[in-house]
Amino acid sequence: AAISRYGAVLYYVDSVKGRFTISRDNAKNVVYLQMNSLKPED
C-alpha cells in the first residue's frame, strides 16, 4: 500500500484490496496499516 503526502491518493496491491487500509496522521507523524481478514499468504 502507499499513500500521498496529505492522504488524498491511495494505492493497494490487488491481493489486499478490501482487506487492508493505509492511513496517516501527519500531526502525530504516524502512518498505519490496518490489516483485516488476514490469510496465511500475508
PDB file of all heavy atoms in Angstrom:
ATOM      1  N   ALA A   1       0.839  -1.190   0.000  1.00  0.00           N
ATOM      2  CA  ALA A   1       0.000   0.000   0.000  1.00  0.00           C
ATOM      3  C   ALA A   1       0.873   1.238   0.000  1.00  0.00           C
ATOM      4  O   ALA A   1       2.015   1.216   0.454  1.00  0.00           O
ATOM      5  CB  ALA A   1      -0.928   0.008   1.218  1.00  0.00           C
ATOM      6  N   ALA A   2       0.328   2.338  -0.506  1.00  0.00           N
ATOM      7  CA  ALA A   2       1.019   3.622  -0.493  1.00  0.00           C
ATOM      8  C   ALA A   2       0.002   4.732  -0.317  1.00  0.00           C
ATOM      9  O   ALA A   2      -1.180   4.571  -0.637  1.00  0.00           O
ATOM     10  CB  ALA A   2       1.823   3.832  -1.774  1.00  0.00           C
ATOM     11  N   ILE A   3       0.477   5.872   0.174  1.00  0.00           N
ATOM     12  CA  ILE A   3      -0.403   6.999   0.448  1.00  0.00           C
ATOM     13  C   ILE A   3       0.327   8.291   0.135  1.00  0.00           C
ATOM     14  O   ILE A   3       1.510   8.450   0.436  1.00  0.00           O
ATOM     15  CB  ILE A   3      -0.899   6.953   1.915  1.00  0.00           C
ATOM     16  CG1 ILE A   3      -1.953   8.028   2.191  1.00  0.00           C
ATOM     17  CG2 ILE A   3       0.270   7.052   2.886  1.00  0.00           C
ATOM     18  CD1 ILE A   3      -2.681   7.814   3.521  1.00  0.00           C
ATOM     19  N   SER A   4      -0.380   9.231  -0.484  1.00  0.00           N
ATOM     20  CA  SER A   4       0.212  10.509  -0.850  1.00  0.00           C
ATOM     21  C   SER A   4       0.444  11.377   0.384  1.00  0.00           C
ATOM     22  O   SER A   4       0.016  11.054   1.496  1.00  0.00           O
ATOM     23  CB  SER A   4      -0.670  11.243  -1.864  1.00  0.00           C
ATOM     24  OG  SER A   4      -1.958  11.508  -1.335  1.00  0.00           O
ATOM     25  N   ARG A   5       1.102  12.498   0.191  1.00  0.00           N
ATOM     26  CA  ARG A   5       1.568  13.316   1.316  1.00  0.00           C
ATOM     27  C   ARG A   5       0.468  13.800   2.238  1.00  0.00           C
ATOM     28  O   ARG A   5       0.678  13.906   3.458  1.00  0.00           O
ATOM     29  CB  ARG A   5       2.373  14.506   0.786  1.00  0.00           C
ATOM     30  CG  ARG A   5       3.734  14.122   0.243  1.00  0.00           C
ATOM     31  CD  ARG A   5       4.459  15.307  -0.371  1.00  0.00           C
ATOM     32  NE  ARG A   5       5.847  14.980  -0.685  1.00  0.00           N
ATOM     33  CZ  ARG A   5       6.238  14.372  -1.798  1.00  0.00           C
ATOM     34  NH1 ARG A   5       5.342  14.040  -2.721  1.00  0.00           N
ATOM     35  NH2 ARG A   5       7.515  14.106  -1.998  1.00  0.00           N
ATOM     36  N   TYR A   6      -0.704  14.067   1.687  1.00  0.00           N
ATOM     37  CA  TYR A   6      -1.810  14.528   2.515  1.00  0.00           C
ATOM     38  C   TYR A   6      -2.953  13.517   2.579  1.00  0.00           C
ATOM     39  O   TYR A   6      -4.035  13.836   3.061  1.00  0.00           O
ATOM     40  CB  TYR A   6      -2.301  15.886   2.029  1.00  0.00           C
ATOM     41  CG  TYR A   6      -1.262  16.967   2.222  1.00  0.00           C
ATOM     42  CD1 TYR A   6      -0.416  17.342   1.180  1.00  0.00           C
ATOM     43  CD2 TYR A   6      -1.104  17.584   3.458  1.00  0.00           C
ATOM     44  CE1 TYR A   6       0.558  18.303   1.364  1.00  0.00           C
ATOM     45  CE2 TYR A   6      -0.132  18.546   3.643  1.00  0.00           C
ATOM     46  CZ  TYR A   6       0.696  18.903   2.600  1.00  0.00           C
ATOM     47  OH  TYR A   6       1.663  19.861   2.787  1.00  0.00           O
ATOM     48  N   GLY A   7      -2.702  12.314   2.093  1.00  0.00           N
ATOM     49  CA  GLY A   7      -3.653  11.234   2.252  1.00  0.00           C
ATOM     50  C   GLY A   7      -4.754  11.173   1.219  1.00  0.00           C
ATOM     51  O   GLY A   7      -5.664  10.347   1.360  1.00  0.00           O
ATOM     52  N   ALA A   8      -4.701  11.992   0.178  1.00  0.00           N
ATOM     53  CA  ALA A   8      -5.786  12.039  -0.794  1.00  0.00           C
ATOM     54  C   ALA A   8      -5.752  10.884  -1.788  1.00  0.00           C
ATOM     55  O   ALA A   8      -6.801  10.502  -2.318  1.00  0.00           O
ATOM     56  CB  ALA A   8      -5.761  13.365  -1.548  1.00  0.00           C
ATOM     57  N   VAL A   9      -4.576  10.336  -2.072  1.00  0.00           N
ATOM     58  CA  VAL A   9      -4.421   9.299  -3.075  1.00  0.00           C
ATOM     59  C   VAL A   9      -3.888   8.043  -2.407  1.00  0.00           C
ATOM     60  O   VAL A   9      -2.880   8.086  -1.699  1.00  0.00           O
ATOM     61  CB  VAL A   9      -3.475   9.741  -4.206  1.00  0.00           C
ATOM     62  CG1 VAL A   9      -3.367   8.653  -5.263  1.00  0.00           C
ATOM     63  CG2 VAL A   9      -3.966  11.035  -4.826  1.00  0.00           C
ATOM     64  N   LEU A  10      -4.565   6.919  -2.648  1.00  0.00           N
ATOM     65  CA  LEU A  10      -4.207   5.642  -2.037  1.00  0.00           C
ATOM     66  C   LEU A  10      -3.944   4.597  -3.102  1.00  0.00           C
ATOM     67  O   LEU A  10      -4.569   4.592  -4.150  1.00  0.00           O
ATOM     68  CB  LEU A  10      -5.331   5.149  -1.123  1.00  0.00           C
ATOM     69  CG  LEU A  10      -5.846   6.115  -0.055  1.00  0.00           C
ATOM     70  CD1 LEU A  10      -7.007   5.477   0.694  1.00  0.00           C
ATOM     71  CD2 LEU A  10      -4.735   6.510   0.898  1.00  0.00           C
ATOM     72  N   TYR A  11      -3.022   3.691  -2.808  1.00  0.00           N
ATOM     73  CA  TYR A  11      -2.724   2.562  -3.680  1.00  0.00           C
ATOM     74  C   TYR A  11      -2.720   1.284  -2.859  1.00  0.00           C
ATOM     75  O   TYR A  11      -2.205   1.260  -1.737  1.00  0.00           O
ATOM     76  CB  TYR A  11      -1.355   2.731  -4.346  1.00  0.00           C
ATOM     77  CG  TYR A  11      -0.822   1.437  -4.920  1.00  0.00           C
ATOM     78  CD1 TYR A  11      -1.219   1.002  -6.181  1.00  0.00           C
ATOM     79  CD2 TYR A  11       0.048   0.636  -4.191  1.00  0.00           C
ATOM     80  CE1 TYR A  11      -0.761  -0.186  -6.699  1.00  0.00           C
ATOM     81  CE2 TYR A  11       0.514  -0.561  -4.705  1.00  0.00           C
ATOM     82  CZ  TYR A  11       0.108  -0.971  -5.957  1.00  0.00           C
ATOM     83  OH  TYR A  11       0.560  -2.158  -6.470  1.00  0.00           O
ATOM     84  N   TYR A  12      -3.269   0.207  -3.443  1.00  0.00           N
ATOM     85  CA  TYR A  12      -3.205  -1.112  -2.839  1.00  0.00           C
ATOM     86  C   TYR A  12      -2.894  -2.146  -3.908  1.00  0.00           C
ATOM     87  O   TYR A  12      -3.433  -2.082  -5.015  1.00  0.00           O
ATOM     88  CB  TYR A  12      -4.528  -1.501  -2.174  1.00  0.00           C
ATOM     89  CG  TYR A  12      -4.960  -0.590  -1.062  1.00  0.00           C
ATOM     90  CD1 TYR A  12      -5.897   0.415  -1.288  1.00  0.00           C
ATOM     91  CD2 TYR A  12      -4.441  -0.738   0.218  1.00  0.00           C
ATOM     92  CE1 TYR A  12      -6.297   1.250  -0.263  1.00  0.00           C
ATOM     93  CE2 TYR A  12      -4.837   0.097   1.243  1.00  0.00           C
ATOM     94  CZ  TYR A  12      -5.763   1.084   0.998  1.00  0.00           C
ATOM     95  OH  TYR A  12      -6.160   1.908   2.030  1.00  0.00           O
ATOM     96  N   VAL A  13      -2.054  -3.106  -3.567  1.00  0.00           N
ATOM     97  CA  VAL A  13      -1.847  -4.224  -4.458  1.00  0.00           C
ATOM     98  C   VAL A  13      -3.136  -5.054  -4.497  1.00  0.00           C
ATOM     99  O   VAL A  13      -3.882  -5.113  -3.508  1.00  0.00           O
ATOM    100  CB  VAL A  13      -0.632  -5.070  -4.003  1.00  0.00           C
ATOM    101  CG1 VAL A  13      -0.916  -5.787  -2.697  1.00  0.00           C
ATOM    102  CG2 VAL A  13      -0.199  -6.036  -5.086  1.00  0.00           C
ATOM    103  N   ASP A  14      -3.417  -5.676  -5.643  1.00  0.00           N
ATOM    104  CA  ASP A  14      -4.695  -6.354  -5.825  1.00  0.00           C
ATOM    105  C   ASP A  14      -4.988  -7.391  -4.741  1.00  0.00           C
ATOM    106  O   ASP A  14      -6.141  -7.553  -4.324  1.00  0.00           O
ATOM    107  CB  ASP A  14      -4.740  -7.035  -7.197  1.00  0.00           C
ATOM    108  CG  ASP A  14      -4.912  -6.052  -8.333  1.00  0.00           C
ATOM    109  OD1 ASP A  14      -5.273  -4.889  -8.080  1.00  0.00           O
ATOM    110  OD2 ASP A  14      -4.692  -6.455  -9.493  1.00  0.00           O
ATOM    111  N   SER A  15      -3.976  -8.081  -4.271  1.00  0.00           N
ATOM    112  CA  SER A  15      -4.180  -9.171  -3.335  1.00  0.00           C
ATOM    113  C   SER A  15      -4.682  -8.726  -1.963  1.00  0.00           C
ATOM    114  O   SER A  15      -5.167  -9.550  -1.189  1.00  0.00           O
ATOM    115  CB  SER A  15      -2.889  -9.974  -3.170  1.00  0.00           C
ATOM    116  OG  SER A  15      -1.849  -9.166  -2.656  1.00  0.00           O
ATOM    117  N   VAL A  16      -4.579  -7.432  -1.643  1.00  0.00           N
ATOM    118  CA  VAL A  16      -5.020  -6.956  -0.328  1.00  0.00           C
ATOM    119  C   VAL A  16      -6.185  -5.987  -0.411  1.00  0.00           C
ATOM    120  O   VAL A  16      -6.684  -5.543   0.641  1.00  0.00           O
ATOM    121  CB  VAL A  16      -3.866  -6.307   0.462  1.00  0.00           C
ATOM    122  CG1 VAL A  16      -2.656  -7.227   0.498  1.00  0.00           C
ATOM    123  CG2 VAL A  16      -3.494  -4.944  -0.111  1.00  0.00           C
ATOM    124  N   LYS A  17      -6.646  -5.661  -1.594  1.00  0.00           N
ATOM    125  CA  LYS A  17      -7.754  -4.722  -1.735  1.00  0.00           C
ATOM    126  C   LYS A  17      -8.993  -5.229  -1.008  1.00  0.00           C
ATOM    127  O   LYS A  17      -9.356  -6.393  -1.106  1.00  0.00           O
ATOM    128  CB  LYS A  17      -8.080  -4.488  -3.208  1.00  0.00           C
ATOM    129  CG  LYS A  17      -7.067  -3.635  -3.936  1.00  0.00           C
ATOM    130  CD  LYS A  17      -7.461  -3.422  -5.393  1.00  0.00           C
ATOM    131  CE  LYS A  17      -6.458  -2.520  -6.101  1.00  0.00           C
ATOM    132  NZ  LYS A  17      -6.796  -2.355  -7.535  1.00  0.00           N
ATOM    133  N   GLY A  18      -9.610  -4.342  -0.264  1.00  0.00           N
ATOM    134  CA  GLY A  18     -10.779  -4.700   0.516  1.00  0.00           C
ATOM    135  C   GLY A  18     -10.470  -5.253   1.882  1.00  0.00           C
ATOM    136  O   GLY A  18     -11.386  -5.411   2.705  1.00  0.00           O
ATOM    137  N   ARG A  19      -9.208  -5.569   2.152  1.00  0.00           N
ATOM    138  CA  ARG A  19      -8.810  -6.130   3.439  1.00  0.00           C
ATOM    139  C   ARG A  19      -7.880  -5.204   4.229  1.00  0.00           C
ATOM    140  O   ARG A  19      -7.955  -5.151   5.457  1.00  0.00           O
ATOM    141  CB  ARG A  19      -8.117  -7.477   3.248  1.00  0.00           C
ATOM    142  CG  ARG A  19      -8.983  -8.523   2.561  1.00  0.00           C
ATOM    143  CD  ARG A  19      -8.326  -9.899   2.600  1.00  0.00           C
ATOM    144  NE  ARG A  19      -7.059  -9.927   1.876  1.00  0.00           N
ATOM    145  CZ  ARG A  19      -5.883 -10.235   2.415  1.00  0.00           C
ATOM    146  NH1 ARG A  19      -5.810 -10.531   3.715  1.00  0.00           N
ATOM    147  NH2 ARG A  19      -4.783 -10.255   1.681  1.00  0.00           N
ATOM    148  N   PHE A  20      -6.994  -4.493   3.540  1.00  0.00           N
ATOM    149  CA  PHE A  20      -6.019  -3.616   4.189  1.00  0.00           C
ATOM    150  C   PHE A  20      -6.398  -2.156   3.962  1.00  0.00           C
ATOM    151  O   PHE A  20      -6.949  -1.800   2.913  1.00  0.00           O
ATOM    152  CB  PHE A  20      -4.617  -3.835   3.624  1.00  0.00           C
ATOM    153  CG  PHE A  20      -3.974  -5.148   3.975  1.00  0.00           C
ATOM    154  CD1 PHE A  20      -4.686  -6.181   4.566  1.00  0.00           C
ATOM    155  CD2 PHE A  20      -2.628  -5.350   3.708  1.00  0.00           C
ATOM    156  CE1 PHE A  20      -4.090  -7.385   4.880  1.00  0.00           C
ATOM    157  CE2 PHE A  20      -2.013  -6.545   4.016  1.00  0.00           C
ATOM    158  CZ  PHE A  20      -2.746  -7.566   4.599  1.00  0.00           C
ATOM    159  N   THR A  21      -6.068  -1.308   4.924  1.00  0.00           N
ATOM    160  CA  THR A  21      -6.294   0.120   4.811  1.00  0.00           C
ATOM    161  C   THR A  21      -5.061   0.869   5.294  1.00  0.00           C
ATOM    162  O   THR A  21      -4.613   0.660   6.427  1.00  0.00           O
ATOM    163  CB  THR A  21      -7.509   0.571   5.630  1.00  0.00           C
ATOM    164  OG1 THR A  21      -8.676  -0.148   5.214  1.00  0.00           O
ATOM    165  CG2 THR A  21      -7.750   2.066   5.438  1.00  0.00           C
ATOM    166  N   ILE A  22      -4.520   1.740   4.442  1.00  0.00           N
ATOM    167  CA  ILE A  22      -3.412   2.593   4.835  1.00  0.00           C
ATOM    168  C   ILE A  22      -3.962   3.969   5.200  1.00  0.00           C
ATOM    169  O   ILE A  22      -4.892   4.467   4.565  1.00  0.00           O
ATOM    170  CB  ILE A  22      -2.352   2.699   3.717  1.00  0.00           C
ATOM    171  CG1 ILE A  22      -1.106   3.449   4.211  1.00  0.00           C
ATOM    172  CG2 ILE A  22      -2.915   3.341   2.465  1.00  0.00           C
ATOM    173  CD1 ILE A  22       0.070   3.395   3.242  1.00  0.00           C
ATOM    174  N   SER A  23      -3.391   4.572   6.231  1.00  0.00           N
ATOM    175  CA  SER A  23      -3.800   5.906   6.646  1.00  0.00           C
ATOM    176  C   SER A  23      -2.611   6.622   7.258  1.00  0.00           C
ATOM    177  O   SER A  23      -1.591   6.000   7.575  1.00  0.00           O
ATOM    178  CB  SER A  23      -4.969   5.841   7.637  1.00  0.00           C
ATOM    179  OG  SER A  23      -4.602   5.154   8.813  1.00  0.00           O
ATOM    180  N   ARG A  24      -2.732   7.928   7.407  1.00  0.00           N
ATOM    181  CA  ARG A  24      -1.652   8.692   8.019  1.00  0.00           C
ATOM    182  C   ARG A  24      -2.216   9.820   8.865  1.00  0.00           C
ATOM    183  O   ARG A  24      -3.285  10.365   8.579  1.00  0.00           O
ATOM    184  CB  ARG A  24      -0.690   9.234   6.955  1.00  0.00           C
ATOM    185  CG  ARG A  24      -1.286  10.263   6.005  1.00  0.00           C
ATOM    186  CD  ARG A  24      -0.353  10.529   4.811  1.00  0.00           C
ATOM    187  NE  ARG A  24       0.941  11.045   5.234  1.00  0.00           N
ATOM    188  CZ  ARG A  24       2.043  11.042   4.487  1.00  0.00           C
ATOM    189  NH1 ARG A  24       2.005  10.514   3.261  1.00  0.00           N
ATOM    190  NH2 ARG A  24       3.170  11.542   4.964  1.00  0.00           N
ATOM    191  N   ASP A  25      -1.472  10.165   9.896  1.00  0.00           N
ATOM    192  CA  ASP A  25      -1.792  11.288  10.758  1.00  0.00           C
ATOM    193  C   ASP A  25      -0.535  12.145  10.803  1.00  0.00           C
ATOM    194  O   ASP A  25       0.375  11.897  11.597  1.00  0.00           O
ATOM    195  CB  ASP A  25      -2.200  10.817  12.149  1.00  0.00           C
ATOM    196  CG  ASP A  25      -2.699  11.948  13.026  1.00  0.00           C
ATOM    197  OD1 ASP A  25      -2.343  13.117  12.774  1.00  0.00           O
ATOM    198  OD2 ASP A  25      -3.448  11.668  13.980  1.00  0.00           O
ATOM    199  N   ASN A  26      -0.474  13.135   9.935  1.00  0.00           N
ATOM    200  CA  ASN A  26       0.733  13.946   9.830  1.00  0.00           C
ATOM    201  C   ASN A  26       1.016  14.744  11.100  1.00  0.00           C
ATOM    202  O   ASN A  26       2.173  15.010  11.422  1.00  0.00           O
ATOM    203  CB  ASN A  26       0.631  14.889   8.630  1.00  0.00           C
ATOM    204  CG  ASN A  26       0.761  14.170   7.307  1.00  0.00           C
ATOM    205  OD1 ASN A  26       1.259  13.050   7.241  1.00  0.00           O
ATOM    206  ND2 ASN A  26       0.319  14.813   6.243  1.00  0.00           N
ATOM    207  N   ALA A  27      -0.030  15.127  11.824  1.00  0.00           N
ATOM    208  CA  ALA A  27       0.166  15.868  13.066  1.00  0.00           C
ATOM    209  C   ALA A  27       0.890  15.033  14.108  1.00  0.00           C
ATOM    210  O   ALA A  27       1.626  15.572  14.943  1.00  0.00           O
ATOM    211  CB  ALA A  27      -1.172  16.356  13.607  1.00  0.00           C
ATOM    212  N   LYS A  28       0.677  13.717  14.087  1.00  0.00           N
ATOM    213  CA  LYS A  28       1.328  12.811  15.022  1.00  0.00           C
ATOM    214  C   LYS A  28       2.557  12.134  14.434  1.00  0.00           C
ATOM    215  O   LYS A  28       3.230  11.368  15.131  1.00  0.00           O
ATOM    216  CB  LYS A  28       0.345  11.743  15.500  1.00  0.00           C
ATOM    217  CG  LYS A  28      -0.833  12.294  16.279  1.00  0.00           C
ATOM    218  CD  LYS A  28      -1.761  11.173  16.717  1.00  0.00           C
ATOM    219  CE  LYS A  28      -2.928  11.714  17.512  1.00  0.00           C
ATOM    220  NZ  LYS A  28      -3.853  10.628  17.932  1.00  0.00           N
ATOM    221  N   ASN A  29       2.838  12.366  13.159  1.00  0.00           N
ATOM    222  CA  ASN A  29       3.962  11.738  12.472  1.00  0.00           C
ATOM    223  C   ASN A  29       3.877  10.211  12.510  1.00  0.00           C
ATOM    224  O   ASN A  29       4.856   9.514  12.798  1.00  0.00           O
ATOM    225  CB  ASN A  29       5.304  12.203  13.053  1.00  0.00           C
ATOM    226  CG  ASN A  29       5.808  13.487  12.425  1.00  0.00           C
ATOM    227  OD1 ASN A  29       5.222  14.016  11.483  1.00  0.00           O
ATOM    228  ND2 ASN A  29       6.911  13.999  12.940  1.00  0.00           N
ATOM    229  N   VAL A  30       2.700   9.698  12.196  1.00  0.00           N
ATOM    230  CA  VAL A  30       2.462   8.264  12.232  1.00  0.00           C
ATOM    231  C   VAL A  30       1.722   7.826  10.970  1.00  0.00           C
ATOM    232  O   VAL A  30       0.806   8.511  10.514  1.00  0.00           O
ATOM    233  CB  VAL A  30       1.655   7.843  13.472  1.00  0.00           C
ATOM    234  CG1 VAL A  30       1.375   6.349  13.451  1.00  0.00           C
ATOM    235  CG2 VAL A  30       2.406   8.213  14.747  1.00  0.00           C
ATOM    236  N   VAL A  31       2.109   6.673  10.429  1.00  0.00           N
ATOM    237  CA  VAL A  31       1.415   6.011   9.334  1.00  0.00           C
ATOM    238  C   VAL A  31       0.943   4.651   9.836  1.00  0.00           C
ATOM    239  O   VAL A  31       1.668   3.970  10.567  1.00  0.00           O
ATOM    240  CB  VAL A  31       2.320   5.848   8.107  1.00  0.00           C
ATOM    241  CG1 VAL A  31       1.585   5.109   6.989  1.00  0.00           C
ATOM    242  CG2 VAL A  31       2.788   7.207   7.612  1.00  0.00           C
ATOM    243  N   TYR A  32      -0.258   4.250   9.422  1.00  0.00           N
ATOM    244  CA  TYR A  32      -0.841   2.997   9.879  1.00  0.00           C
ATOM    245  C   TYR A  32      -1.137   2.076   8.707  1.00  0.00           C
ATOM    246  O   TYR A  32      -1.384   2.517   7.585  1.00  0.00           O
ATOM    247  CB  TYR A  32      -2.153   3.243  10.621  1.00  0.00           C
ATOM    248  CG  TYR A  32      -2.041   4.163  11.809  1.00  0.00           C
ATOM    249  CD1 TYR A  32      -2.405   5.500  11.712  1.00  0.00           C
ATOM    250  CD2 TYR A  32      -1.582   3.693  13.033  1.00  0.00           C
ATOM    251  CE1 TYR A  32      -2.311   6.353  12.797  1.00  0.00           C
ATOM    252  CE2 TYR A  32      -1.482   4.536  14.130  1.00  0.00           C
ATOM    253  CZ  TYR A  32      -1.850   5.857  14.007  1.00  0.00           C
ATOM    254  OH  TYR A  32      -1.760   6.700  15.087  1.00  0.00           O
ATOM    255  N   LEU A  33      -1.145   0.783   8.999  1.00  0.00           N
ATOM    256  CA  LEU A  33      -1.662  -0.210   8.074  1.00  0.00           C
ATOM    257  C   LEU A  33      -2.594  -1.122   8.853  1.00  0.00           C
ATOM    258  O   LEU A  33      -2.138  -1.947   9.645  1.00  0.00           O
ATOM    259  CB  LEU A  33      -0.541  -1.027   7.423  1.00  0.00           C
ATOM    260  CG  LEU A  33      -1.005  -2.022   6.354  1.00  0.00           C
ATOM    261  CD1 LEU A  33      -1.553  -1.277   5.135  1.00  0.00           C
ATOM    262  CD2 LEU A  33       0.125  -2.956   5.941  1.00  0.00           C
ATOM    263  N   GLN A  34      -3.886  -0.954   8.640  1.00  0.00           N
ATOM    264  CA  GLN A  34      -4.887  -1.816   9.256  1.00  0.00           C
ATOM    265  C   GLN A  34      -5.076  -3.035   8.372  1.00  0.00           C
ATOM    266  O   GLN A  34      -5.403  -2.901   7.196  1.00  0.00           O
ATOM    267  CB  GLN A  34      -6.208  -1.071   9.422  1.00  0.00           C
ATOM    268  CG  GLN A  34      -7.332  -1.911  10.012  1.00  0.00           C
ATOM    269  CD  GLN A  34      -7.089  -2.298  11.445  1.00  0.00           C
ATOM    270  OE1 GLN A  34      -6.702  -1.453  12.250  1.00  0.00           O
ATOM    271  NE2 GLN A  34      -7.289  -3.564  11.773  1.00  0.00           N
ATOM    272  N   MET A  35      -4.887  -4.221   8.929  1.00  0.00           N
ATOM    273  CA  MET A  35      -4.960  -5.463   8.180  1.00  0.00           C
ATOM    274  C   MET A  35      -6.079  -6.318   8.753  1.00  0.00           C
ATOM    275  O   MET A  35      -6.005  -6.759   9.905  1.00  0.00           O
ATOM    276  CB  MET A  35      -3.631  -6.211   8.236  1.00  0.00           C
ATOM    277  CG  MET A  35      -2.445  -5.386   7.755  1.00  0.00           C
ATOM    278  SD  MET A  35      -0.904  -6.346   7.680  1.00  0.00           S
ATOM    279  CE  MET A  35      -0.670  -6.667   9.434  1.00  0.00           C
ATOM    280  N   ASN A  36      -7.103  -6.558   7.956  1.00  0.00           N
ATOM    281  CA  ASN A  36      -8.240  -7.373   8.346  1.00  0.00           C
ATOM    282  C   ASN A  36      -8.315  -8.625   7.482  1.00  0.00           C
ATOM    283  O   ASN A  36      -7.722  -8.694   6.412  1.00  0.00           O
ATOM    284  CB  ASN A  36      -9.540  -6.584   8.215  1.00  0.00           C
ATOM    285  CG  ASN A  36      -9.597  -5.366   9.102  1.00  0.00           C
ATOM    286  OD1 ASN A  36      -9.057  -5.363  10.208  1.00  0.00           O
ATOM    287  ND2 ASN A  36     -10.266  -4.319   8.626  1.00  0.00           N
ATOM    288  N   SER A  37      -9.076  -9.609   7.945  1.00  0.00           N
ATOM    289  CA  SER A  37      -9.274 -10.859   7.200  1.00  0.00           C
ATOM    290  C   SER A  37      -7.950 -11.450   6.744  1.00  0.00           C
ATOM    291  O   SER A  37      -7.783 -11.835   5.587  1.00  0.00           O
ATOM    292  CB  SER A  37     -10.201 -10.621   6.007  1.00  0.00           C
ATOM    293  OG  SER A  37     -11.458 -10.126   6.420  1.00  0.00           O
ATOM    294  N   LEU A  38      -7.012 -11.539   7.653  1.00  0.00           N
ATOM    295  CA  LEU A  38      -5.663 -11.975   7.306  1.00  0.00           C
ATOM    296  C   LEU A  38      -5.644 -13.428   6.846  1.00  0.00           C
ATOM    297  O   LEU A  38      -6.396 -14.264   7.344  1.00  0.00           O
ATOM    298  CB  LEU A  38      -4.731 -11.784   8.491  1.00  0.00           C
ATOM    299  CG  LEU A  38      -4.289 -10.334   8.712  1.00  0.00           C
ATOM    300  CD1 LEU A  38      -3.738 -10.148  10.112  1.00  0.00           C
ATOM    301  CD2 LEU A  38      -3.239  -9.940   7.672  1.00  0.00           C
ATOM    302  N   LYS A  39      -4.765 -13.696   5.891  1.00  0.00           N
ATOM    303  CA  LYS A  39      -4.590 -15.009   5.301  1.00  0.00           C
ATOM    304  C   LYS A  39      -3.160 -15.488   5.531  1.00  0.00           C
ATOM    305  O   LYS A  39      -2.251 -14.675   5.696  1.00  0.00           O
ATOM    306  CB  LYS A  39      -4.862 -14.962   3.797  1.00  0.00           C
ATOM    307  CG  LYS A  39      -6.229 -14.436   3.412  1.00  0.00           C
ATOM    308  CD  LYS A  39      -6.350 -14.312   1.898  1.00  0.00           C
ATOM    309  CE  LYS A  39      -7.704 -13.773   1.497  1.00  0.00           C
ATOM    310  NZ  LYS A  39      -7.825 -13.634   0.019  1.00  0.00           N
ATOM    311  N   PRO A  40      -2.926 -16.800   5.527  1.00  0.00           N
ATOM    312  CA  PRO A  40      -1.548 -17.288   5.659  1.00  0.00           C
ATOM    313  C   PRO A  40      -0.600 -16.696   4.613  1.00  0.00           C
ATOM    314  O   PRO A  40       0.582 -16.510   4.909  1.00  0.00           O
ATOM    315  CB  PRO A  40      -1.697 -18.799   5.479  1.00  0.00           C
ATOM    316  CG  PRO A  40      -3.071 -19.088   5.977  1.00  0.00           C
ATOM    317  CD  PRO A  40      -3.893 -17.909   5.549  1.00  0.00           C
ATOM    318  N   GLU A  41      -1.104 -16.392   3.434  1.00  0.00           N
ATOM    319  CA  GLU A  41      -0.280 -15.799   2.388  1.00  0.00           C
ATOM    320  C   GLU A  41       0.210 -14.399   2.733  1.00  0.00           C
ATOM    321  O   GLU A  41       1.108 -13.878   2.066  1.00  0.00           O
ATOM    322  CB  GLU A  41      -1.055 -15.727   1.063  1.00  0.00           C
ATOM    323  CG  GLU A  41      -1.651 -17.050   0.620  1.00  0.00           C
ATOM    324  CD  GLU A  41      -3.086 -17.216   1.096  1.00  0.00           C
ATOM    325  OE1 GLU A  41      -3.272 -17.755   2.210  1.00  0.00           O
ATOM    326  OE2 GLU A  41      -4.010 -16.814   0.359  1.00  0.00           O
ATOM    327  N   ASP A  42      -0.369 -13.771   3.756  1.00  0.00           N
ATOM    328  CA  ASP A  42       0.078 -12.456   4.197  1.00  0.00           C
ATOM    329  C   ASP A  42       1.302 -12.520   5.099  1.00  0.00           C
ATOM    330  O   ASP A  42       1.858 -11.476   5.449  1.00  0.00           O
ATOM    331  CB  ASP A  42      -1.047 -11.729   4.944  1.00  0.00           C
ATOM    332  CG  ASP A  42      -2.252 -11.461   4.065  1.00  0.00           C
ATOM    333  OD1 ASP A  42      -2.067 -11.060   2.897  1.00  0.00           O
ATOM    334  OD2 ASP A  42      -3.389 -11.648   4.551  1.00  0.00           O
TER     335      ASP A  42
END
